[in-house]
């Protein structure tokens, strides 16, 4: 399945494999542009190498397609949580949306409480 393939690609997110992982995620998104899970992993790959600006664009596009994807909501909220006060307010909104999408997710609930 696509989800399994994305998880396998996620293993490439080691520092020495960033470029390869990015190319593979870009290709996966060309094939299946509505795949929010691939977008989440691609965004996390970009963040891990310091490309927060492009990661934010990836998360925004994924959430336009699937506004209830909790993984993208969490990843984008984590990214914004590292920013200034405006970003922190945006992160809080994303945490709230993630909780609304999956109220049983303890990790997300704990982040919202912070």
C-alpha atoms as a PDB file:
ATOM      1  CA  UNK A   1       0.000   0.000   0.000  1.00  0.00           C
ATOM      2  CA  UNK A   2       0.988   3.614  -0.370  1.00  0.00           C
ATOM      3  CA  UNK A   3       1.091   4.103   3.415  1.00  0.00           C
ATOM      4  CA  UNK A   4       3.555   1.249   3.807  1.00  0.00           C
ATOM      5  CA  UNK A   5       5.749   2.685   1.059  1.00  0.00           C
ATOM      6  CA  UNK A   6       5.715   6.076   2.756  1.00  0.00           C
ATOM      7  CA  UNK A   7       6.792   4.516   6.058  1.00  0.00           C
ATOM      8  CA  UNK A   8       9.664   2.758   4.292  1.00  0.00           C
ATOM      9  CA  UNK A   9      10.701   6.025   2.670  1.00  0.00           C
ATOM     10  CA  UNK A  10      10.594   7.640   6.088  1.00  0.00           C
ATOM     11  CA  UNK A  11      13.464   5.402   7.140  1.00  0.00           C
ATOM     12  CA  UNK A  12      15.630   7.303   4.667  1.00  0.00           C
ATOM     13  CA  UNK A  13      15.258  10.436   6.746  1.00  0.00           C
ATOM     14  CA  UNK A  14      18.718   9.949   8.185  1.00  0.00           C
ATOM     15  CA  UNK A  15      21.006  12.972   7.712  1.00  0.00           C
ATOM     16  CA  UNK A  16      23.107  11.253   5.045  1.00  0.00           C
ATOM     17  CA  UNK A  17      20.020  10.287   3.024  1.00  0.00           C
ATOM     18  CA  UNK A  18      18.056  13.555   3.032  1.00  0.00           C
ATOM     19  CA  UNK A  19      18.559  14.337  -0.646  1.00  0.00           C
ATOM     20  CA  UNK A  20      17.482  10.859  -1.703  1.00  0.00           C
ATOM     21  CA  UNK A  21      14.472  10.894   0.610  1.00  0.00           C
ATOM     22  CA  UNK A  22      13.417  14.305  -0.702  1.00  0.00           C
ATOM     23  CA  UNK A  23      13.614  13.118  -4.320  1.00  0.00           C
ATOM     24  CA  UNK A  24      11.579  10.016  -3.504  1.00  0.00           C
ATOM     25  CA  UNK A  25       8.914  11.964  -1.615  1.00  0.00           C
ATOM     26  CA  UNK A  26       8.706  14.508  -4.429  1.00  0.00           C
ATOM     27  CA  UNK A  27       8.222  11.656  -6.887  1.00  0.00           C
ATOM     28  CA  UNK A  28       5.609  10.014  -4.658  1.00  0.00           C
ATOM     29  CA  UNK A  29       3.699  13.299  -4.536  1.00  0.00           C
ATOM     30  CA  UNK A  30       3.898  13.656  -8.321  1.00  0.00           C
ATOM     31  CA  UNK A  31       2.282  10.243  -8.609  1.00  0.00           C
ATOM     32  CA  UNK A  32      -0.224  10.795  -5.797  1.00  0.00           C
ATOM     33  CA  UNK A  33      -0.473  14.537  -5.054  1.00  0.00           C
ATOM     34  CA  UNK A  34      -3.353  14.047  -2.610  1.00  0.00           C
ATOM     35  CA  UNK A  35      -1.354  11.736  -0.319  1.00  0.00           C
ATOM     36  CA  UNK A  36      -1.249  13.631   2.979  1.00  0.00           C
ATOM     37  CA  UNK A  37       0.884  10.958   4.634  1.00  0.00           C
ATOM     38  CA  UNK A  38       3.595  11.374   1.995  1.00  0.00           C
ATOM     39  CA  UNK A  39       3.307  15.145   2.422  1.00  0.00           C
ATOM     40  CA  UNK A  40       3.732  14.809   6.175  1.00  0.00           C
ATOM     41  CA  UNK A  41       6.884  12.722   5.767  1.00  0.00           C
ATOM     42  CA  UNK A  42       8.247  15.039   3.065  1.00  0.00           C
ATOM     43  CA  UNK A  43       7.656  18.035   5.316  1.00  0.00           C
ATOM     44  CA  UNK A  44       9.383  16.334   8.238  1.00  0.00           C
ATOM     45  CA  UNK A  45      12.333  15.534   5.961  1.00  0.00           C
ATOM     46  CA  UNK A  46      12.575  19.190   4.973  1.00  0.00           C
ATOM     47  CA  UNK A  47      12.362  20.329   8.612  1.00  0.00           C
ATOM     48  CA  UNK A  48      15.069  17.890   9.669  1.00  0.00           C
ATOM     49  CA  UNK A  49      17.496  19.510   7.263  1.00  0.00           C
ATOM     50  CA  UNK A  50      16.450  23.030   8.246  1.00  0.00           C
ATOM     51  CA  UNK A  51      14.206  23.927   5.289  1.00  0.00           C
ATOM     52  CA  UNK A  52      11.295  25.136   7.382  1.00  0.00           C
ATOM     53  CA  UNK A  53       9.943  27.509   4.735  1.00  0.00           C
ATOM     54  CA  UNK A  54       9.384  24.742   2.168  1.00  0.00           C
ATOM     55  CA  UNK A  55       8.119  22.362   4.852  1.00  0.00           C
ATOM     56  CA  UNK A  56       5.467  24.899   5.788  1.00  0.00           C
ATOM     57  CA  UNK A  57       4.365  25.113   2.146  1.00  0.00           C
ATOM     58  CA  UNK A  58       4.153  21.302   1.945  1.00  0.00           C
ATOM     59  CA  UNK A  59       2.011  21.132   5.103  1.00  0.00           C
ATOM     60  CA  UNK A  60      -0.279  23.929   3.913  1.00  0.00           C
ATOM     61  CA  UNK A  61      -0.847  22.226   0.555  1.00  0.00           C
ATOM     62  CA  UNK A  62      -1.508  18.854   2.213  1.00  0.00           C
ATOM     63  CA  UNK A  63      -4.029  20.401   4.595  1.00  0.00           C
ATOM     64  CA  UNK A  64      -5.839  22.054   1.686  1.00  0.00           C
ATOM     65  CA  UNK A  65      -6.355  18.550   0.280  1.00  0.00           C
ATOM     66  CA  UNK A  66      -7.031  16.787   3.595  1.00  0.00           C
ATOM     67  CA  UNK A  67      -7.769  19.301   6.376  1.00  0.00           C
ATOM     68  CA  UNK A  68      -8.338  16.481   8.883  1.00  0.00           C
ATOM     69  CA  UNK A  69      -4.998  14.685   8.511  1.00  0.00           C
ATOM     70  CA  UNK A  70      -3.812  14.665  12.109  1.00  0.00           C
ATOM     71  CA  UNK A  71      -0.213  13.859  11.183  1.00  0.00           C
ATOM     72  CA  UNK A  72       0.063  16.983   9.011  1.00  0.00           C
ATOM     73  CA  UNK A  73      -1.750  19.075  11.594  1.00  0.00           C
ATOM     74  CA  UNK A  74       0.667  17.917  14.308  1.00  0.00           C
ATOM     75  CA  UNK A  75       3.766  18.303  12.142  1.00  0.00           C
ATOM     76  CA  UNK A  76       2.771  21.802  11.046  1.00  0.00           C
ATOM     77  CA  UNK A  77       1.909  22.761  14.648  1.00  0.00           C
ATOM     78  CA  UNK A  78       5.306  21.479  15.813  1.00  0.00           C
ATOM     79  CA  UNK A  79       7.000  23.603  13.156  1.00  0.00           C
ATOM     80  CA  UNK A  80       5.058  26.732  14.102  1.00  0.00           C
ATOM     81  CA  UNK A  81       5.634  26.112  17.823  1.00  0.00           C
ATOM     82  CA  UNK A  82       9.313  26.851  17.230  1.00  0.00           C
ATOM     83  CA  UNK A  83       8.562  30.323  15.816  1.00  0.00           C
ATOM     84  CA  UNK A  84       7.640  33.678  17.287  1.00  0.00           C
ATOM     85  CA  UNK A  85       4.418  34.692  19.010  1.00  0.00           C
ATOM     86  CA  UNK A  86       2.360  34.835  15.795  1.00  0.00           C
ATOM     87  CA  UNK A  87       3.514  31.340  14.886  1.00  0.00           C
ATOM     88  CA  UNK A  88       2.728  30.039  18.364  1.00  0.00           C
ATOM     89  CA  UNK A  89      -0.854  31.317  18.037  1.00  0.00           C
ATOM     90  CA  UNK A  90      -1.113  29.544  14.677  1.00  0.00           C
ATOM     91  CA  UNK A  91       0.287  26.388  16.229  1.00  0.00           C
ATOM     92  CA  UNK A  92      -2.354  26.512  18.958  1.00  0.00           C
ATOM     93  CA  UNK A  93      -5.101  26.609  16.320  1.00  0.00           C
ATOM     94  CA  UNK A  94      -3.556  23.601  14.585  1.00  0.00           C
ATOM     95  CA  UNK A  95      -3.272  21.660  17.860  1.00  0.00           C
ATOM     96  CA  UNK A  96      -6.967  22.360  18.500  1.00  0.00           C
ATOM     97  CA  UNK A  97      -7.887  21.105  15.018  1.00  0.00           C
ATOM     98  CA  UNK A  98      -5.792  17.969  15.526  1.00  0.00           C
ATOM     99  CA  UNK A  99      -7.567  17.245  18.820  1.00  0.00           C
ATOM    100  CA  UNK A 100     -10.941  17.796  17.163  1.00  0.00           C
ATOM    101  CA  UNK A 101      -9.983  15.291  14.457  1.00  0.00           C
ATOM    102  CA  UNK A 102      -8.706  12.688  16.911  1.00  0.00           C
ATOM    103  CA  UNK A 103      -9.742  13.362  20.526  1.00  0.00           C
ATOM    104  CA  UNK A 104      -8.237  10.051  21.648  1.00  0.00           C
ATOM    105  CA  UNK A 105      -4.678  11.078  20.675  1.00  0.00           C
ATOM    106  CA  UNK A 106      -2.986  11.590  24.052  1.00  0.00           C
ATOM    107  CA  UNK A 107       0.178  13.107  22.543  1.00  0.00           C
ATOM    108  CA  UNK A 108      -1.783  15.808  20.761  1.00  0.00           C
ATOM    109  CA  UNK A 109      -3.890  16.485  23.862  1.00  0.00           C
ATOM    110  CA  UNK A 110      -0.747  16.954  25.937  1.00  0.00           C
ATOM    111  CA  UNK A 111       0.741  19.377  23.407  1.00  0.00           C
ATOM    112  CA  UNK A 112      -2.448  21.416  23.350  1.00  0.00           C
ATOM    113  CA  UNK A 113      -2.353  21.660  27.148  1.00  0.00           C
ATOM    114  CA  UNK A 114       1.144  23.197  27.058  1.00  0.00           C
END
